[in-house]
Protein backbone atom coordinates (compact mmCIF):
# COMPACT_ATOMS: atom_id res chain seq x y z
CA MET A 1 44.67 79.31 128.67
CA LYS A 2 41.78 79.21 126.25
CA LEU A 3 42.74 75.71 125.07
CA ALA A 4 43.06 74.53 128.65
CA GLY A 5 39.57 75.85 129.38
CA LEU A 6 38.14 73.96 126.43
CA GLY A 7 39.85 70.82 127.66
CA ALA A 8 38.32 71.18 131.09
CA LEU A 9 34.89 71.78 129.54
CA GLY A 10 35.27 68.67 127.42
CA ALA A 11 36.21 66.60 130.47
CA SER A 12 33.20 67.93 132.33
CA LEU A 13 30.83 67.09 129.47
CA PHE A 14 32.34 63.62 129.14
CA ALA A 15 31.82 62.97 132.85
CA SER A 16 28.15 63.91 132.53
CA LEU A 17 27.50 61.29 129.82
CA PRO A 18 25.83 57.97 130.70
CA ALA A 19 28.14 54.99 131.20
CA TRP A 20 27.24 53.40 127.81
CA ALA A 21 27.95 56.66 125.97
CA GLN A 22 31.26 57.09 127.80
CA GLU A 23 32.22 53.54 126.75
CA ALA A 24 31.27 54.13 123.09
CA THR A 25 33.13 57.42 123.03
CA THR A 26 36.18 55.76 124.52
CA GLU A 27 36.05 52.98 121.88
CA THR A 28 35.79 55.58 119.11
CA ALA A 29 38.76 57.47 120.50
CA GLU A 30 40.77 54.25 120.76
CA ALA A 31 39.88 53.33 117.16
CA ALA A 32 40.98 56.77 115.99
CA THR A 33 44.23 56.38 117.91
CA GLU A 34 44.81 52.94 116.32
CA THR A 35 44.13 54.38 112.84
CA ALA A 36 46.55 57.22 113.45
CA THR A 37 49.15 54.76 114.74
CA ALA A 38 48.62 52.49 111.70
CA ALA A 39 48.97 55.49 109.40
CA ALA A 40 52.21 56.40 111.08
CA GLU A 41 53.49 52.85 110.58
CA LEU A 42 52.54 52.71 106.88
CA VAL A 43 55.25 53.63 104.42
CA PRO A 44 55.12 53.70 100.61
CA TYR A 45 55.72 50.29 99.04
CA VAL A 46 59.22 50.07 97.61
CA TYR A 47 60.37 47.15 95.49
CA GLU A 48 63.19 45.93 93.28
CA LYS A 49 62.70 44.24 89.92
CA THR A 50 64.39 40.84 89.99
CA VAL A 51 64.83 38.73 86.86
CA HIS A 52 65.55 35.01 87.20
CA GLY A 53 67.43 33.20 84.46
CA GLY A 54 65.35 30.08 85.05
CA ASP A 55 62.15 32.00 84.30
CA ILE A 56 63.61 33.35 81.06
CA ALA A 57 64.69 29.85 80.02
CA TRP A 58 61.30 28.32 80.81
CA MET A 59 59.39 31.09 79.03
CA SER A 60 61.63 30.83 75.98
CA ILE A 61 60.95 27.09 75.80
CA SER A 62 57.22 27.68 76.31
CA THR A 63 57.18 30.18 73.45
CA VAL A 64 58.74 27.68 71.06
CA LEU A 65 56.35 24.96 72.28
CA VAL A 66 53.33 27.11 71.42
CA LEU A 67 54.77 27.70 67.94
CA LEU A 68 55.17 23.92 67.64
CA MET A 69 51.49 23.39 68.43
CA THR A 70 50.55 25.83 65.66
CA VAL A 71 52.97 24.86 62.90
CA PRO A 72 53.20 21.98 62.41
CA GLY A 73 50.74 20.78 65.11
CA LEU A 74 47.47 22.52 64.23
CA ALA A 75 48.30 22.53 60.51
CA LEU A 76 48.72 18.75 60.41
CA PHE A 77 45.75 18.13 62.71
CA TYR A 78 43.46 20.13 60.44
CA GLY A 79 45.16 19.01 57.22
CA GLY A 80 44.58 15.34 57.91
CA LEU A 81 40.88 15.96 58.53
CA VAL A 82 40.09 17.46 55.13
CA ARG A 83 39.91 15.68 51.78
CA THR A 84 43.07 15.10 49.77
CA LYS A 85 42.29 17.89 47.33
CA ASN A 86 42.31 20.45 50.16
CA MET A 87 45.21 19.24 52.30
CA LEU A 88 47.75 21.74 50.98
CA SER A 89 45.31 24.65 51.21
CA MET A 90 44.74 23.92 54.90
CA LEU A 91 48.47 23.83 55.61
CA THR A 92 48.90 27.09 53.69
CA GLN A 93 46.07 28.84 55.54
CA VAL A 94 47.41 27.99 59.00
CA PHE A 95 51.00 28.79 58.07
CA ALA A 96 50.14 32.08 56.31
CA ILE A 97 47.87 33.34 59.10
CA SER A 98 50.60 32.61 61.65
CA ALA A 99 53.18 34.58 59.68
CA VAL A 100 50.89 37.56 58.98
CA VAL A 101 49.75 37.86 62.61
CA CYS A 102 53.37 37.61 63.78
CA ILE A 103 54.12 40.78 61.81
CA ILE A 104 50.95 42.56 62.94
CA TRP A 105 51.75 41.76 66.57
CA VAL A 106 55.02 43.66 66.65
CA VAL A 107 53.66 46.53 64.53
CA TYR A 108 50.58 47.37 66.61
CA GLY A 109 49.01 44.23 68.12
CA TYR A 110 51.12 44.08 71.26
CA SER A 111 50.40 47.75 71.90
CA LEU A 112 46.63 47.31 71.56
CA ALA A 113 46.65 44.27 73.85
CA PHE A 114 49.20 45.23 76.50
CA SER A 115 49.54 48.98 76.86
CA TYR A 116 47.55 51.71 78.61
CA GLY A 117 44.57 52.74 76.51
CA GLY A 118 43.64 56.09 78.07
CA SER A 119 39.87 56.65 78.17
CA MET A 120 39.38 53.27 76.42
CA ASP A 121 41.70 51.37 78.76
CA THR A 122 38.91 49.18 80.09
CA TYR A 123 38.42 47.76 76.61
CA VAL A 124 41.62 48.11 74.58
CA GLY A 125 45.16 49.42 74.80
CA GLY A 126 46.63 52.38 72.95
CA PHE A 127 49.34 52.96 70.37
CA SER A 128 52.16 53.97 72.69
CA LYS A 129 54.08 50.77 71.89
CA MET A 130 53.50 50.66 68.14
CA PHE A 131 56.52 49.19 66.36
CA LEU A 132 57.61 48.20 69.90
CA ALA A 133 58.41 51.82 70.74
CA GLY A 134 60.09 52.12 74.13
CA VAL A 135 60.89 48.42 74.29
CA ASP A 136 64.49 47.26 74.45
CA ALA A 137 66.65 44.65 76.13
CA THR A 138 66.40 46.48 79.47
CA THR A 139 62.60 46.90 79.75
CA LEU A 140 60.72 44.49 82.00
CA VAL A 141 57.16 43.31 82.61
CA PRO A 142 55.69 41.91 85.85
CA THR A 143 54.93 38.26 86.51
CA PHE A 144 52.48 37.05 89.16
CA THR A 145 54.96 37.24 92.05
CA ASN A 146 55.97 40.43 93.85
CA GLY A 147 59.43 41.52 92.82
CA VAL A 148 59.80 38.96 90.03
CA TRP A 149 59.90 40.37 86.49
CA LEU A 150 60.58 39.18 82.94
CA PRO A 151 62.35 40.81 79.98
CA GLU A 152 59.64 42.47 77.91
CA TYR A 153 60.91 40.82 74.75
CA THR A 154 60.26 37.42 76.33
CA PHE A 155 56.69 38.37 77.16
CA ILE A 156 56.13 39.86 73.70
CA ALA A 157 57.29 36.68 71.96
CA PHE A 158 55.21 34.41 74.23
CA GLN A 159 52.00 36.37 73.78
CA MET A 160 52.70 36.64 70.05
CA THR A 161 52.27 32.88 69.70
CA PHE A 162 48.80 33.10 71.28
CA ALA A 163 47.81 35.78 68.78
CA MET A 164 49.14 33.60 65.94
CA ILE A 165 47.25 30.42 66.79
CA THR A 166 43.85 31.91 67.68
CA PRO A 167 42.74 33.06 64.19
CA ALA A 168 44.29 29.91 62.74
CA LEU A 169 41.91 27.84 64.91
CA ILE A 170 38.92 29.49 63.22
CA VAL A 171 39.68 28.21 59.72
CA GLY A 172 38.68 24.64 60.57
CA ALA A 173 35.03 25.69 60.89
CA PHE A 174 34.69 26.59 57.20
CA ALA A 175 37.43 24.42 55.72
CA GLU A 176 37.38 23.55 52.00
CA ARG A 177 35.31 26.55 50.84
CA PHE A 178 36.86 29.91 51.92
CA LYS A 179 38.75 32.14 49.48
CA PHE A 180 42.38 32.48 50.52
CA SER A 181 42.61 36.22 49.79
CA SER A 182 39.43 36.90 51.76
CA LEU A 183 40.67 34.72 54.62
CA LEU A 184 43.85 36.77 54.97
CA VAL A 185 41.91 40.05 55.02
CA PHE A 186 39.38 38.66 57.51
CA SER A 187 42.17 37.39 59.77
CA VAL A 188 43.85 40.80 59.86
CA LEU A 189 40.54 42.48 60.72
CA TRP A 190 39.60 39.84 63.27
CA VAL A 191 42.80 39.98 65.32
CA THR A 192 42.66 43.79 65.22
CA PHE A 193 39.07 44.30 66.32
CA ILE A 194 38.31 41.09 68.22
CA TYR A 195 41.42 39.33 69.52
CA PHE A 196 43.52 42.29 70.71
CA PRO A 197 40.65 43.91 72.66
CA MET A 198 39.72 40.54 74.22
CA ALA A 199 43.31 39.92 75.30
CA HIS A 200 43.39 43.40 76.85
CA MET A 201 40.07 43.02 78.67
CA VAL A 202 41.02 39.66 80.18
CA TRP A 203 44.77 39.97 80.84
CA TRP A 204 45.62 43.66 81.18
CA TRP A 205 46.57 44.67 84.75
CA GLY A 206 49.35 46.51 86.53
CA GLY A 207 51.03 43.52 88.13
CA PRO A 208 51.49 42.57 91.80
CA ASP A 209 54.01 45.30 92.65
CA PHE A 210 51.86 48.03 91.12
CA LEU A 211 48.83 46.81 93.08
CA ALA A 212 50.85 46.68 96.31
CA GLU A 213 52.18 50.19 95.68
CA GLN A 214 48.76 51.69 94.97
CA GLN A 215 47.02 49.82 97.80
CA THR A 216 49.61 51.11 100.27
CA LEU A 217 49.21 54.67 98.97
CA LYS A 218 45.44 54.32 99.30
CA LEU A 219 45.70 53.16 102.92
CA ILE A 220 48.09 55.99 103.78
CA ALA A 221 45.83 58.55 102.14
CA GLU A 222 42.71 57.22 103.89
CA ALA A 223 44.42 57.23 107.27
CA ALA A 224 45.57 60.80 106.67
CA GLY A 225 42.14 61.91 105.49
CA ASP A 226 43.44 62.80 102.03
CA THR A 227 40.36 61.97 99.96
CA ALA A 228 41.82 63.06 96.62
CA ALA A 229 44.93 60.91 96.99
CA ALA A 230 42.84 57.93 98.12
CA GLU A 231 40.56 58.26 95.10
CA ALA A 232 43.55 58.53 92.75
CA ALA A 233 45.07 55.35 94.17
CA ALA A 234 41.70 53.56 93.95
CA ALA A 235 41.42 54.59 90.30
CA ASN A 236 44.89 53.17 89.63
CA LEU A 237 43.92 49.91 91.32
CA ALA A 238 40.94 49.66 88.95
CA ALA A 239 42.94 50.53 85.80
CA ASN A 240 42.68 46.98 84.46
CA GLY A 241 40.82 45.25 81.66
CA LEU A 242 37.03 44.99 81.93
CA ILE A 243 36.86 41.23 82.50
CA TRP A 244 39.86 41.29 84.84
CA ASN A 245 38.02 43.80 87.01
CA TRP A 246 34.98 41.53 87.10
CA GLY A 247 37.13 39.01 88.95
CA ALA A 248 36.87 36.38 86.19
CA LEU A 249 39.72 33.86 86.00
CA ASP A 250 41.32 32.74 82.74
CA PHE A 251 44.74 31.20 83.28
CA ALA A 252 45.74 30.57 79.67
CA GLY A 253 42.98 31.62 77.27
CA GLY A 254 39.62 29.92 77.73
CA THR A 255 37.82 33.13 76.76
CA VAL A 256 40.53 34.94 74.82
CA VAL A 257 41.48 31.99 72.60
CA HIS A 258 38.99 29.13 72.59
CA ILE A 259 35.53 30.63 73.11
CA ASN A 260 36.59 33.61 71.01
CA ALA A 261 37.73 31.42 68.10
CA GLY A 262 34.94 28.88 68.53
CA ILE A 263 32.17 31.48 68.28
CA ALA A 264 33.84 33.15 65.28
CA GLY A 265 34.05 29.76 63.59
CA LEU A 266 30.38 29.04 64.29
CA VAL A 267 29.33 32.37 62.80
CA GLY A 268 31.57 31.80 59.78
CA CYS A 269 30.32 28.31 58.96
CA ILE A 270 26.71 29.48 59.15
CA MET A 271 27.35 32.52 56.94
CA LEU A 272 29.25 30.54 54.29
CA GLY A 273 26.76 27.72 54.23
CA LYS A 274 27.37 24.01 53.83
CA ARG A 275 29.96 22.47 51.52
CA ILE A 276 28.75 21.20 48.17
CA GLY A 277 27.61 17.62 48.67
CA TYR A 278 27.46 17.91 52.47
CA GLY A 279 25.41 15.02 53.82
CA LYS A 280 25.35 13.31 50.41
CA GLU A 281 28.99 12.74 49.49
CA SER A 282 31.76 11.20 51.55
CA MET A 283 33.82 13.88 53.27
CA ALA A 284 35.88 11.55 55.43
CA PRO A 285 39.33 12.70 56.63
CA HIS A 286 41.97 11.79 54.05
CA SER A 287 44.71 10.98 56.59
CA LEU A 288 43.97 10.17 60.20
CA THR A 289 47.67 9.41 60.52
CA MET A 290 48.41 13.10 59.90
CA THR A 291 45.63 14.08 62.29
CA MET A 292 47.06 11.87 65.03
CA ILE A 293 50.55 13.35 64.53
CA GLY A 294 49.10 16.85 64.65
CA GLY A 295 47.03 16.05 67.74
CA ALA A 296 50.08 14.64 69.51
CA LEU A 297 52.06 17.78 68.68
CA LEU A 298 49.18 19.87 70.03
CA TRP A 299 49.37 18.01 73.34
CA VAL A 300 53.14 18.50 73.56
CA GLY A 301 52.95 22.17 72.61
CA TRP A 302 50.06 22.82 74.99
CA PHE A 303 52.39 22.47 77.97
CA GLY A 304 53.98 25.71 76.83
CA PHE A 305 50.52 27.19 76.28
CA ASN A 306 49.19 26.32 79.75
CA ALA A 307 52.23 26.08 82.02
CA GLY A 308 53.97 28.96 80.26
CA SER A 309 51.04 31.21 81.11
CA ASN A 310 52.29 31.25 84.70
CA LEU A 311 55.19 33.42 83.42
CA GLU A 312 57.50 31.82 85.99
CA ALA A 313 59.08 28.46 86.73
CA ASN A 314 57.60 27.59 90.12
CA SER A 315 55.08 25.29 91.82
CA ILE A 316 52.09 26.72 89.92
CA THR A 317 53.92 25.85 86.71
CA SER A 318 54.16 22.28 88.02
CA LEU A 319 50.44 22.29 88.82
CA ALA A 320 49.58 23.47 85.30
CA ILE A 321 51.75 20.70 83.81
CA VAL A 322 50.04 17.98 85.87
CA ASN A 323 46.59 19.37 85.01
CA THR A 324 47.47 19.45 81.31
CA PHE A 325 48.29 15.76 81.53
CA VAL A 326 45.29 14.49 83.50
CA ALA A 327 42.49 16.63 82.05
CA THR A 328 43.62 15.77 78.53
CA ALA A 329 43.84 12.05 79.23
CA GLY A 330 40.49 12.14 81.00
CA ALA A 331 38.74 13.81 78.06
CA GLY A 332 40.34 11.48 75.52
CA VAL A 333 39.27 8.37 77.40
CA SER A 334 35.83 9.84 78.11
CA TRP A 335 35.17 10.63 74.42
CA MET A 336 36.49 7.20 73.39
CA PHE A 337 34.25 5.26 75.75
CA ALA A 338 31.21 7.44 75.02
CA GLU A 339 31.68 6.77 71.32
CA TRP A 340 32.29 3.06 71.97
CA LEU A 341 29.09 2.84 73.99
CA LEU A 342 26.84 4.85 71.67
CA LYS A 343 28.37 4.21 68.25
CA GLY A 344 29.65 0.68 68.73
CA ARG A 345 33.37 1.31 68.03
CA PRO A 346 36.14 3.42 69.56
CA SER A 347 37.75 5.45 66.76
CA LEU A 348 41.17 7.08 66.59
CA LEU A 349 39.49 10.29 65.43
CA GLY A 350 37.29 10.24 68.53
CA LEU A 351 40.23 9.62 70.83
CA VAL A 352 42.27 12.47 69.32
CA SER A 353 39.24 14.79 69.32
CA GLY A 354 38.73 14.03 73.00
CA VAL A 355 42.37 14.79 73.75
CA VAL A 356 42.07 18.21 72.11
CA THR A 357 38.81 18.80 74.00
CA GLY A 358 40.60 18.15 77.29
CA LEU A 359 43.37 20.57 76.36
CA VAL A 360 40.79 23.22 75.57
CA ALA A 361 38.71 22.68 78.71
CA VAL A 362 41.66 22.79 81.12
CA THR A 363 43.18 25.91 79.57
CA PRO A 364 41.37 28.47 81.78
CA ALA A 365 41.71 26.23 84.85
CA ALA A 366 45.29 24.99 84.39
CA GLY A 367 46.84 26.96 87.26
CA PHE A 368 43.71 27.20 89.42
CA ALA A 369 42.20 23.69 89.63
CA GLY A 370 43.68 20.79 91.57
CA PRO A 371 44.63 17.62 89.64
CA MET A 372 41.51 15.69 90.66
CA GLY A 373 39.34 18.63 89.70
CA ALA A 374 41.12 18.85 86.35
CA LEU A 375 40.56 15.12 85.77
CA CYS A 376 36.83 15.47 86.49
CA LEU A 377 36.70 18.50 84.18
CA GLY A 378 38.32 16.53 81.37
CA ILE A 379 35.99 13.54 81.77
CA PHE A 380 32.89 15.75 81.71
CA ALA A 381 34.08 17.90 78.80
CA GLY A 382 35.02 14.87 76.69
CA ALA A 383 31.57 13.30 77.02
CA ALA A 384 29.71 16.60 76.56
CA CYS A 385 31.62 17.63 73.44
CA PHE A 386 31.25 14.13 71.94
CA PHE A 387 27.49 14.36 72.38
CA PHE A 388 27.39 17.76 70.70
CA VAL A 389 29.58 16.73 67.76
CA ALA A 390 27.88 13.34 67.25
CA TYR A 391 24.25 14.40 67.69
CA VAL A 392 23.49 18.09 68.24
CA LYS A 393 25.55 19.34 65.28
CA ASN A 394 23.74 16.98 62.92
CA MET A 395 20.40 17.95 64.41
CA PHE A 396 21.00 21.56 63.35
CA GLN A 397 22.76 20.58 60.09
CA LEU A 398 25.82 22.69 60.95
CA ASP A 399 28.71 22.19 58.58
CA ASP A 400 31.35 23.12 61.13
CA SER A 401 33.84 21.17 59.03
CA LEU A 402 36.42 20.31 61.69
CA ASP A 403 34.27 20.89 64.81
CA VAL A 404 35.82 24.17 65.88
CA PHE A 405 32.77 25.20 67.89
CA GLY A 406 32.02 21.70 69.13
CA ILE A 407 35.52 21.37 70.60
CA HIS A 408 36.97 24.85 71.14
CA GLY A 409 33.76 26.83 71.66
CA LEU A 410 31.85 24.38 73.83
CA GLY A 411 34.96 23.00 75.52
CA GLY A 412 36.10 26.53 76.32
CA ILE A 413 32.70 27.44 77.79
CA ILE A 414 32.67 24.32 80.01
CA GLY A 415 36.23 24.98 81.17
CA ALA A 416 35.69 28.68 81.86
CA ILE A 417 32.60 28.12 84.00
CA ALA A 418 34.12 25.11 85.78
CA THR A 419 37.18 27.18 86.70
CA GLY A 420 34.98 29.23 89.03
CA ILE A 421 34.17 26.03 90.94
CA LEU A 422 37.45 24.13 90.77
CA VAL A 423 39.55 27.05 92.06
CA ASN A 424 37.98 26.43 95.49
CA PRO A 425 40.71 25.23 97.92
CA ALA A 426 38.15 22.89 99.49
CA LEU A 427 38.14 21.03 96.17
CA GLY A 428 41.92 21.01 95.87
CA GLY A 429 42.11 24.27 93.93
CA ALA A 430 44.82 26.90 94.29
CA GLY A 431 42.40 29.54 95.56
CA ILE A 432 41.62 33.11 94.52
CA PRO A 433 44.79 35.23 94.18
CA ASP A 434 44.72 38.26 96.52
CA TYR A 435 47.45 40.89 96.15
CA THR A 436 45.99 43.73 98.23
CA SER A 437 44.95 42.45 101.67
CA VAL A 438 48.62 42.26 102.64
CA PRO A 439 50.37 44.51 100.09
CA GLY A 440 53.58 42.98 98.84
CA THR A 441 52.51 39.36 99.25
CA LEU A 442 50.23 36.94 97.43
CA GLN A 443 47.46 35.69 99.69
CA VAL A 444 44.67 33.19 99.07
CA GLY A 445 41.44 35.17 99.11
CA ALA A 446 38.14 34.04 100.57
CA TYR A 447 36.22 31.80 98.16
CA ASP A 448 32.65 32.76 97.29
CA MET A 449 31.08 30.33 94.81
CA GLY A 450 28.20 32.66 93.96
CA PHE A 451 30.56 35.51 93.11
CA MET A 452 32.97 33.32 91.15
CA LEU A 453 30.31 31.60 89.08
CA THR A 454 28.69 34.95 88.33
CA ALA A 455 32.03 36.41 87.22
CA GLN A 456 32.84 33.39 85.02
CA ILE A 457 29.40 33.30 83.40
CA LYS A 458 29.53 37.04 82.74
CA ALA A 459 32.92 36.61 81.07
CA VAL A 460 31.61 33.75 78.92
CA LEU A 461 28.46 35.61 77.86
CA PHE A 462 30.42 38.75 77.07
CA THR A 463 32.91 36.79 74.97
CA VAL A 464 30.13 35.02 73.08
CA ALA A 465 28.38 38.32 72.32
CA PHE A 466 31.53 40.30 71.53
CA SER A 467 33.04 37.65 69.27
CA GLY A 468 29.73 36.64 67.71
CA ILE A 469 28.51 40.12 66.80
CA GLY A 470 31.97 41.42 65.91
CA SER A 471 32.81 38.41 63.75
CA PHE A 472 29.47 38.65 61.93
CA ILE A 473 30.16 42.28 61.05
CA LEU A 474 33.67 41.47 59.79
CA PHE A 475 32.51 38.45 57.77
CA LYS A 476 29.79 40.59 56.22
CA LEU A 477 32.20 43.40 55.40
CA VAL A 478 34.60 41.03 53.64
CA ASP A 479 31.73 39.28 51.88
CA LEU A 480 30.36 42.55 50.49
CA THR A 481 33.77 43.71 49.26
CA MET A 482 35.60 40.55 48.21
CA GLY A 483 33.29 37.61 48.66
CA LEU A 484 33.87 34.85 51.17
CA ARG A 485 33.36 31.64 49.26
CA VAL A 486 35.20 30.18 46.29
CA LYS A 487 33.28 29.48 43.10
CA GLU A 488 31.50 26.14 42.78
CA GLU A 489 33.91 24.78 40.19
CA ILE A 490 36.89 25.65 42.41
CA GLU A 491 35.30 23.94 45.39
CA ARG A 492 34.64 20.81 43.36
CA GLU A 493 38.17 20.75 41.97
CA GLY A 494 39.74 21.42 45.35
CA LEU A 495 41.48 24.48 46.72
CA ASP A 496 44.98 23.04 46.39
CA VAL A 497 45.27 23.37 42.64
CA ALA A 498 42.74 26.16 42.02
CA GLU A 499 43.94 28.51 44.75
CA HIS A 500 47.62 27.59 45.14
CA GLY A 501 48.60 25.76 41.93
CA GLU A 502 50.02 22.84 43.89
CA ARG A 503 49.04 19.43 45.18
CA ALA A 504 49.76 18.00 48.61
CA TYR A 505 50.70 14.70 47.01
CA ASN A 506 52.23 13.98 43.59
CA MET A 507 52.36 10.22 43.09
C-alpha cells in the first residue's frame, strides 16, 4: 500500500510538470531503460585460442630472414665500408654481438621486454619469465587478430632477432676505433637498460582478446553501476607500455630499433672522437662489392623484419611486403639522382645507402601506409638523408664512420613521424586499429591528424632523449672503467691483427 501511494504521488508530480520537463524526464527514463536493456544483453567476452600452421610457417621464415639480414647481411654491408685492416674486426663485432644478445634474450631479455612489470609495467617488464620460466610448447601469445594466437617459442625467436641486430647497428658509428672488450660490455649494458625497456614501452600490450574481454567487463560494470569493477577493467585496459598508451604507431621498429640505435651511435661517435687522420687521409671503403652484397641481403632479410612484424600471414602481411619493395626502391633512386645532380656522378655506394634508408624509413609505416604513401616516403627520405650525409655531417665534422645516424637515426625519425600521416585511409593507409568500440572485432578508428602527429612526435622525442641520455651514461661508465678507444698504435695498425690476431685477407 505504501509503495502504491508513492507511485500515485510520483504520477501526480509528473503531471504537474511543464511539457518540456515531462519530455526531458521521459527521455531520461527511456535512456535508463535502454542502458538497463543493453546491460542485460552484455555477456562476458569468451574466446578460443586458434593457432594456424600457415602463421607459424611464415613467422619461422621471417625469423630466419631477420637473422640473414644481420649475419651475413649487416656484417658484410659494414665490413665492405671500412678499410682493409679493419674488415675482420667489423665482421667479428657484428657476429659476436648477435651471439651474446641471443643468450641474454632467453636468460632475461625476453622477460624484461614482454612480461608484466608490476609497478614499473609502463616502462619495463619483470623477471617472471627469466630463463623462459613458464614457457613451453603449449604456451601461446596473441597476434593482432581476435582469436588468432602463436606459439610463444615462435614469438620469442622472432623478437630475439630484433634484439640481436639493434646493438649491432650501433657499431658502424664508431667503426675502426672501439675496443672489442669494451664493446661487448657496452652492448650487454645497452640492450639491458635501453633496448629492452624501449621494446616494452612500444610493443607491450594485452592483445586483442584481452582488450575485448576487459572492455566488455567495463561496459557491464558501468551499466550495473559497479564503479570498482569498472575501474579495475579500465586499469587493465591501460596496462600497456608507455608509448603504446600514447597511441603512437610503430609497426616494425622505427623507434625501438632505428632511432634508438641511431641516437646511440651519434652519442658514441661524438664521445670517442674522430678517427686518426679523419679528413686528411683516405678512408674510402675497401670493398664496395661486399657492401653491395650486404645491402642486397639486408633488403631480402627486411621482408621478414617488416612483414613478419604482422605476426600473421594475411592481407596486412601482403601490404607490408609491397611497401618494403616500393619505399626501398624509391629511396634508392631518390638518393642516386640527388647525388647525380649535386655531385656529378651516381655512385653504387649512394644507391645502396639510399636502399637502406628506404628500408629504415618504411619500417614503422610498413603495415599502416598505402603503397603510394610508402613510395612518397621513400623518395623523401632518400633525398633528405643524402643531404644530411653529404653536407650536414661534414658541416659539423661528425665522424659517424658508416652513417648510422644519417641513415638509421634520421631515416627512422622521418618514417616515424610520416607514419602518423600515411596511416590515414584518405591517403590509402590502413587506418587506426580499434579493438574496443566493437569488442571482439578489429575496426578502423576515426583518424585525427593532430592527435596522430602529436603521438608520433612524442614517441620520437622520448626515444631520442631516452636513448641519448641513457647511452651517454653507459658509454661514460665503460670509459671510466675499461676505456672505450684502442691505443693510437693499434688504430694505425688496424684492429684485425691487433685485436683479433687475424687478417681478413691473406694473399
